[in-house]
Amino acid sequence: MASYKEIQEKIAELQRQAEEQRRAEIDGAIGQIKSLMSDYGISIDDLEDKKKKGAKKSSGDVKFRDDQGNTWSGRGRKPAWIQGKDADQFRV
């Protein structure tokens, strides 16, 4: 039966081998990716998500404000401070 120290040495050796194998596989994957990008004329910019790049989110600009500084964008449910009141009187 192997001693604790021998097992630890084997673990360290296997971890070193695993890291070498990982690096080799990553190098191969990068080579394949570069080759495909070259074949199809794909650039790094093409890999960006177009939805994120072009989509605009509502800015949530303040459209209503009261004397205490409460604000509301006009989207979603009306806040309690404006409930039951004429919203136009608070329009910014």
Protein backbone atom coordinates (compact mmCIF):
# COMPACT_ATOMS: atom_id res chain seq x y z
CA MET A 1 0.00 0.00 0.00
CA ALA A 2 1.30 3.48 -0.90
CA SER A 3 2.11 5.97 1.82
CA TYR A 4 0.37 9.32 2.20
CA LYS A 5 3.43 11.13 0.83
CA GLU A 6 3.59 8.87 -2.24
CA ILE A 7 -0.10 9.47 -2.95
CA GLN A 8 0.39 13.24 -2.61
CA GLU A 9 3.31 13.07 -5.08
CA LYS A 10 1.15 11.11 -7.54
CA ILE A 11 -1.62 13.69 -7.18
CA ALA A 12 0.84 16.52 -7.86
CA GLU A 13 2.18 14.70 -10.93
CA LEU A 14 -1.33 14.03 -12.25
CA GLN A 15 -2.28 17.68 -11.72
CA ARG A 16 0.81 18.77 -13.68
CA GLN A 17 -0.08 16.36 -16.49
CA ALA A 18 -3.69 17.53 -16.48
CA GLU A 19 -2.60 21.17 -16.79
CA GLU A 20 -0.26 20.32 -19.69
CA GLN A 21 -3.08 18.45 -21.44
CA ARG A 22 -5.47 21.35 -20.81
CA ARG A 23 -3.02 23.84 -22.35
CA ALA A 24 -2.52 21.59 -25.38
CA GLU A 25 -6.28 21.22 -25.91
CA ILE A 26 -6.83 24.97 -25.52
CA ASP A 27 -4.11 25.65 -28.10
CA GLY A 28 -5.85 23.25 -30.48
CA ALA A 29 -9.25 24.83 -29.88
CA ILE A 30 -7.83 28.32 -30.47
CA GLY A 31 -6.28 27.10 -33.71
CA GLN A 32 -9.62 25.68 -34.87
CA ILE A 33 -11.42 28.90 -33.94
CA LYS A 34 -8.89 31.04 -35.81
CA SER A 35 -9.14 28.77 -38.84
CA LEU A 36 -12.95 28.95 -38.90
CA MET A 37 -12.89 32.71 -38.43
CA SER A 38 -10.48 33.03 -41.33
CA ASP A 39 -12.50 30.68 -43.56
CA TYR A 40 -15.74 32.58 -42.97
CA GLY A 41 -14.30 36.09 -42.67
CA ILE A 42 -15.46 36.49 -39.08
CA SER A 43 -13.95 39.25 -36.95
CA ILE A 44 -13.97 39.74 -33.20
CA ASP A 45 -16.65 42.42 -33.67
CA ASP A 46 -18.88 39.85 -35.36
CA LEU A 47 -18.81 37.75 -32.20
CA GLU A 48 -20.39 40.47 -30.04
CA ASP A 49 -24.05 40.05 -29.19
CA LYS A 50 -25.92 42.33 -31.58
CA LYS A 51 -28.90 42.57 -29.26
CA LYS A 52 -26.86 44.07 -26.47
CA LYS A 53 -25.04 46.38 -28.81
CA GLY A 54 -28.08 47.79 -30.58
CA ALA A 55 -30.86 47.49 -28.04
CA LYS A 56 -31.75 50.63 -26.19
CA LYS A 57 -33.25 50.44 -22.78
CA SER A 58 -35.69 52.99 -21.53
CA SER A 59 -33.84 55.66 -19.65
CA GLY A 60 -36.59 55.91 -17.03
CA ASP A 61 -36.55 59.69 -17.28
CA VAL A 62 -38.53 61.45 -14.59
CA LYS A 63 -41.90 62.63 -15.90
CA PHE A 64 -43.63 63.32 -12.61
CA ARG A 65 -42.29 64.96 -9.41
CA ASP A 66 -43.94 66.22 -6.23
CA ASP A 67 -42.86 68.87 -3.70
CA GLN A 68 -41.16 66.27 -1.47
CA GLY A 69 -38.91 65.13 -4.32
CA ASN A 70 -40.74 61.87 -5.07
CA THR A 71 -40.43 60.96 -8.72
CA TRP A 72 -42.07 58.60 -11.19
CA SER A 73 -41.17 57.82 -14.79
CA GLY A 74 -44.78 57.18 -15.79
CA ARG A 75 -44.06 53.50 -16.33
CA GLY A 76 -45.39 50.70 -14.19
CA ARG A 77 -47.86 51.09 -11.36
CA LYS A 78 -48.53 54.51 -9.97
CA PRO A 79 -46.65 55.13 -6.73
CA ALA A 80 -48.62 55.75 -3.54
CA TRP A 81 -47.80 59.47 -3.47
CA ILE A 82 -49.65 60.01 -6.77
CA GLN A 83 -52.54 57.58 -6.24
CA GLY A 84 -55.96 59.27 -6.39
CA LYS A 85 -54.53 62.59 -7.57
CA ASP A 86 -54.42 64.25 -10.96
CA ALA A 87 -51.04 63.17 -12.35
CA ASP A 88 -50.86 66.17 -14.69
CA GLN A 89 -50.28 68.51 -11.75
CA PHE A 90 -46.99 66.66 -11.06
CA ARG A 91 -45.82 66.49 -14.68
CA VAL A 92 -42.28 67.79 -15.18
